[in-house]
N, C-alpha and C. Protein backbone atom coordinates (compact mmCIF):
# COMPACT_ATOMS: atom_id res chain seq x y z
N MET A 1 0.73 -1.16 -0.07
CA MET A 1 -0.07 -0.19 -0.34
C MET A 1 0.63 0.93 0.27
N ILE A 2 1.79 1.21 0.40
CA ILE A 2 2.58 2.25 0.82
C ILE A 2 3.51 2.86 -0.83
N LYS A 3 3.92 1.07 -0.68
CA LYS A 3 4.77 1.46 -2.39
C LYS A 3 3.87 2.08 -3.40
N TYR A 4 1.91 1.90 -3.45
CA TYR A 4 1.55 2.39 -4.18
C TYR A 4 1.50 4.13 -4.00
N PHE A 5 1.36 4.02 -2.79
CA PHE A 5 1.28 5.65 -2.31
C PHE A 5 1.91 6.59 -2.99
N ARG A 6 2.95 5.99 -2.79
CA ARG A 6 4.18 6.89 -3.27
C ARG A 6 4.35 7.04 -4.87
N ILE A 7 4.42 5.65 -5.48
CA ILE A 7 4.16 5.45 -6.83
C ILE A 7 3.40 6.78 -7.64
N PHE A 8 1.92 6.33 -6.48
CA PHE A 8 1.05 7.74 -7.18
C PHE A 8 1.28 8.94 -7.22
N LEU A 9 1.75 9.61 -5.54
CA LEU A 9 2.78 10.89 -5.57
C LEU A 9 3.30 11.32 -6.10
N SER A 10 4.18 10.55 -6.60
CA SER A 10 5.38 10.43 -7.47
C SER A 10 4.96 11.10 -9.19
N GLU A 11 3.94 9.96 -9.50
CA GLU A 11 3.35 10.65 -10.68
C GLU A 11 2.55 11.27 -10.85
N ARG A 12 1.94 11.70 -9.74
CA ARG A 12 1.18 13.11 -9.21
C ARG A 12 2.27 14.91 -9.79
N THR A 13 3.32 14.53 -9.07
CA THR A 13 4.08 15.69 -8.70
C THR A 13 4.18 15.82 -9.97
N ASP A 14 4.96 15.04 -10.80
CA ASP A 14 5.32 14.60 -11.88
C ASP A 14 4.49 15.24 -12.98
N LYS A 15 3.17 15.24 -13.19
CA LYS A 15 2.37 15.82 -13.90
C LYS A 15 2.56 17.18 -13.45
N MET A 16 2.04 17.52 -11.86
CA MET A 16 1.83 18.88 -11.97
C MET A 16 3.51 19.82 -12.47
N ARG A 17 4.22 19.07 -12.05
CA ARG A 17 5.38 19.72 -12.98
C ARG A 17 5.52 19.89 -13.91
N LYS A 18 5.29 19.46 -14.79
CA LYS A 18 5.14 19.53 -16.71
C LYS A 18 4.02 20.27 -17.04
N LYS A 19 2.91 20.46 -16.10
CA LYS A 19 1.80 21.12 -16.22
C LYS A 19 2.68 23.22 -16.12
N LEU A 20 3.31 23.03 -15.02
CA LEU A 20 3.41 24.50 -14.45
C LEU A 20 4.77 25.09 -15.46
N PHE A 21 5.87 24.05 -15.43
CA PHE A 21 6.99 24.27 -16.36
C PHE A 21 6.76 23.80 -17.59
N ASN A 22 5.99 23.45 -18.24
CA ASN A 22 6.75 23.03 -19.63
C ASN A 22 6.51 24.35 -20.32
N GLY A 23 5.91 24.98 -20.16
CA GLY A 23 5.73 25.96 -21.50
C GLY A 23 4.89 25.95 -22.92
N SER A 24 3.66 24.87 -22.80
CA SER A 24 3.46 24.38 -23.93
C SER A 24 2.28 25.77 -24.33
N ASP A 25 1.56 26.42 -23.38
CA ASP A 25 0.50 27.22 -23.90
C ASP A 25 1.09 28.20 -23.56
N VAL A 26 2.56 28.93 -23.54
CA VAL A 26 3.30 30.35 -23.62
C VAL A 26 3.41 30.53 -25.21
N THR A 27 2.64 31.65 -25.07
CA THR A 27 3.32 32.48 -26.73
C THR A 27 4.77 32.82 -26.82
N PRO A 28 5.54 32.16 -27.35
CA PRO A 28 6.71 32.67 -27.53
C PRO A 28 6.90 34.18 -27.21
N ALA A 29 7.78 34.45 -26.45
CA ALA A 29 8.50 35.89 -26.65
C ALA A 29 10.07 35.98 -26.02
N CYS A 30 10.74 36.67 -26.54
CA CYS A 30 11.78 36.75 -25.86
C CYS A 30 12.52 37.13 -24.59
N ARG A 31 11.06 38.36 -23.87
CA ARG A 31 11.39 38.53 -22.55
C ARG A 31 10.89 36.88 -21.51
N LEU A 32 11.05 36.02 -22.09
CA LEU A 32 10.34 34.64 -21.78
C LEU A 32 11.46 34.03 -21.87
N CYS A 33 12.40 34.37 -22.59
CA CYS A 33 13.17 33.43 -22.85
C CYS A 33 14.54 33.27 -21.84
N SER A 34 15.09 31.68 -21.98
CA SER A 34 15.97 31.56 -21.47
C SER A 34 17.20 32.17 -21.67
N HIS A 35 17.72 32.71 -23.24
CA HIS A 35 18.59 33.21 -24.04
C HIS A 35 18.53 34.45 -23.79
N GLY A 36 18.00 34.93 -23.38
CA GLY A 36 18.18 36.24 -23.17
C GLY A 36 17.79 37.41 -22.04
N MET A 37 18.21 38.42 -21.57
CA MET A 37 17.78 39.37 -20.38
C MET A 37 17.86 40.36 -21.16
N ILE A 38 16.49 40.78 -20.53
CA ILE A 38 16.47 42.54 -20.59
C ILE A 38 17.15 43.41 -20.24
N ALA A 39 17.12 44.25 -21.24
CA ALA A 39 18.52 45.72 -21.31
C ALA A 39 18.08 46.49 -20.56
N ALA A 40 19.33 47.59 -20.09
CA ALA A 40 18.78 48.52 -18.49
C ALA A 40 17.80 49.45 -19.50
N ASP A 41 17.57 49.60 -20.31
CA ASP A 41 16.26 50.26 -20.83
C ASP A 41 14.85 49.82 -20.82
N GLY A 42 14.90 48.53 -20.90
CA GLY A 42 13.33 48.06 -20.78
C GLY A 42 12.56 47.89 -21.74
N ASP A 43 13.19 48.24 -23.43
CA ASP A 43 12.76 48.56 -23.99
C ASP A 43 13.08 47.36 -25.05
N SER A 44 13.89 46.29 -24.64
CA SER A 44 15.00 45.51 -25.70
C SER A 44 15.29 44.33 -25.05
N VAL A 45 15.62 42.81 -25.54
CA VAL A 45 15.94 41.92 -24.52
C VAL A 45 17.32 41.70 -25.37
N LEU A 46 18.79 41.28 -24.57
CA LEU A 46 19.81 41.12 -25.41
C LEU A 46 20.19 39.41 -25.26
N CYS A 47 20.12 39.19 -26.58
CA CYS A 47 19.87 37.76 -26.60
C CYS A 47 21.35 37.24 -26.92
N VAL A 48 21.39 36.25 -26.25
CA VAL A 48 23.02 35.35 -26.91
C VAL A 48 23.18 34.97 -28.41
N LYS A 49 21.87 34.19 -28.43
CA LYS A 49 21.72 33.81 -29.61
C LYS A 49 21.56 34.96 -31.27
N THR A 50 20.70 35.88 -31.07
CA THR A 50 20.37 36.34 -32.13
C THR A 50 20.71 38.11 -32.06
N GLY A 51 20.89 38.38 -30.66
CA GLY A 51 21.60 40.11 -30.52
C GLY A 51 20.23 40.70 -29.56
N ILE A 52 20.34 41.74 -29.96
CA ILE A 52 19.11 43.20 -29.30
C ILE A 52 17.92 42.22 -30.31
N ARG A 53 16.88 42.43 -29.52
CA ARG A 53 15.67 41.92 -30.24
C ARG A 53 14.66 43.32 -29.12
N GLN A 54 13.11 42.74 -29.58
CA GLN A 54 12.33 43.80 -29.36
C GLN A 54 11.63 42.42 -28.28
N LEU A 55 10.55 42.82 -27.27
CA LEU A 55 10.26 42.13 -25.96
C LEU A 55 9.67 41.30 -26.48
N ASP A 56 8.48 41.79 -27.34
CA ASP A 56 7.76 40.60 -27.45
C ASP A 56 7.86 39.82 -29.09
N SER A 57 9.02 39.95 -29.25
CA SER A 57 9.61 38.97 -30.81
C SER A 57 10.08 37.48 -30.64
N SER A 58 10.02 36.41 -31.16
CA SER A 58 10.21 35.71 -30.74
C SER A 58 11.17 35.18 -31.91
N CYS A 59 12.03 33.46 -32.06
CA CYS A 59 12.73 33.09 -32.72
C CYS A 59 12.71 31.22 -32.53
N ARG A 60 13.82 30.99 -33.12
CA ARG A 60 13.50 29.31 -33.35
C ARG A 60 14.22 28.58 -32.24
N SER A 61 15.48 29.61 -31.52
CA SER A 61 15.99 28.99 -30.87
C SER A 61 15.03 29.39 -29.06
N PHE A 62 14.15 30.42 -29.23
CA PHE A 62 12.92 29.90 -27.62
C PHE A 62 13.28 28.96 -27.03
N LYS A 63 13.40 29.39 -25.49
CA LYS A 63 13.32 28.05 -24.47
C LYS A 63 12.47 28.51 -23.48
N TYR A 64 11.63 28.27 -22.89
CA TYR A 64 10.73 29.38 -22.06
C TYR A 64 11.36 28.98 -20.71
N ASP A 65 11.61 29.94 -19.65
CA ASP A 65 12.16 30.09 -18.98
C ASP A 65 11.24 30.74 -17.62
N PRO A 66 10.59 29.34 -16.70
CA PRO A 66 9.78 30.12 -15.80
C PRO A 66 9.54 31.43 -14.84
N LEU A 67 10.74 31.21 -14.85
CA LEU A 67 11.32 32.36 -13.42
C LEU A 67 11.19 33.67 -14.41
N LYS A 68 11.15 33.83 -15.70
CA LYS A 68 10.85 34.89 -15.96
C LYS A 68 9.69 35.74 -15.98
N ARG A 69 8.70 34.60 -15.82
CA ARG A 69 7.35 35.18 -16.09
C ARG A 69 6.87 36.11 -15.29
N VAL A 70 6.33 36.85 -15.21
CA VAL A 70 5.39 37.89 -14.10
C VAL A 70 4.21 37.57 -13.70
N PRO A 71 3.76 37.07 -13.00
CA PRO A 71 2.19 36.51 -12.92
C PRO A 71 1.42 37.82 -12.70
N LYS A 72 -0.14 37.68 -13.09
CA LYS A 72 -1.11 38.07 -12.84
C LYS A 72 -1.26 39.06 -12.28
N LYS A 73 -1.76 40.33 -11.82
CA LYS A 73 -2.14 40.80 -10.23
C LYS A 73 -3.33 40.39 -10.38
N ASN A 74 -3.85 39.71 -9.35
CA ASN A 74 -5.04 38.75 -8.41
C ASN A 74 -6.50 40.92 -8.61
N ILE A 75 -7.47 40.37 -9.37
CA ILE A 75 -8.72 41.67 -8.80
C ILE A 75 -8.83 41.67 -7.39
N GLY A 76 -9.00 42.78 -6.85
CA GLY A 76 -9.21 43.08 -5.81
C GLY A 76 -10.84 43.03 -5.55
N ILE A 77 -11.07 42.09 -4.52
CA ILE A 77 -12.87 41.59 -4.67
C ILE A 77 -13.35 42.77 -3.99
N GLY A 78 -12.67 43.51 -2.96
CA GLY A 78 -13.54 45.10 -2.41
C GLY A 78 -13.31 44.81 -0.81
N HIS A 79 -14.06 45.66 -0.77
CA HIS A 79 -14.31 45.51 1.48
C HIS A 79 -15.76 45.32 1.26
N PHE A 80 -16.21 44.45 1.85
CA PHE A 80 -17.69 43.91 2.35
C PHE A 80 -17.75 44.48 4.04
N THR A 81 -18.99 44.50 4.06
CA THR A 81 -19.45 44.73 5.91
C THR A 81 -20.10 43.59 6.20
N GLU A 82 -20.39 42.99 7.65
CA GLU A 82 -21.63 42.18 7.73
C GLU A 82 -22.88 42.64 6.85
N GLU A 83 -23.26 43.67 7.13
CA GLU A 83 -24.84 43.93 6.68
C GLU A 83 -24.51 43.84 5.12
N ASP A 84 -23.93 43.20 4.20
CA ASP A 84 -23.69 42.95 3.01
C ASP A 84 -24.41 42.03 2.66
N PHE A 85 -24.02 40.75 3.64
CA PHE A 85 -24.27 39.63 3.88
C PHE A 85 -25.41 39.01 4.62
N LYS A 86 -26.16 39.67 5.29
CA LYS A 86 -27.66 39.86 5.70
C LYS A 86 -28.62 40.07 4.90
N LEU A 87 -29.82 38.89 5.69
CA LEU A 87 -31.10 38.88 4.24
C LEU A 87 -31.22 40.05 5.02
């Protein structure tokens, strides 16, 4: 039973890891590539493979780097009082 549980957990974590860090659903952009770094001006990317590129451009050498992704900000729910939930 314990061996089965360990196998189940490892398969599950592998699937989750692949889902999070696969990058298959990410549109290629130089700002998310592991070969480039954002320049000091913030308007361009310095790429090891192709030189200076625009932030949203891409090339065949694109390799997704999940640490460069900036997550979307959460939408503020708002401030509610107890009176809002009373009937």
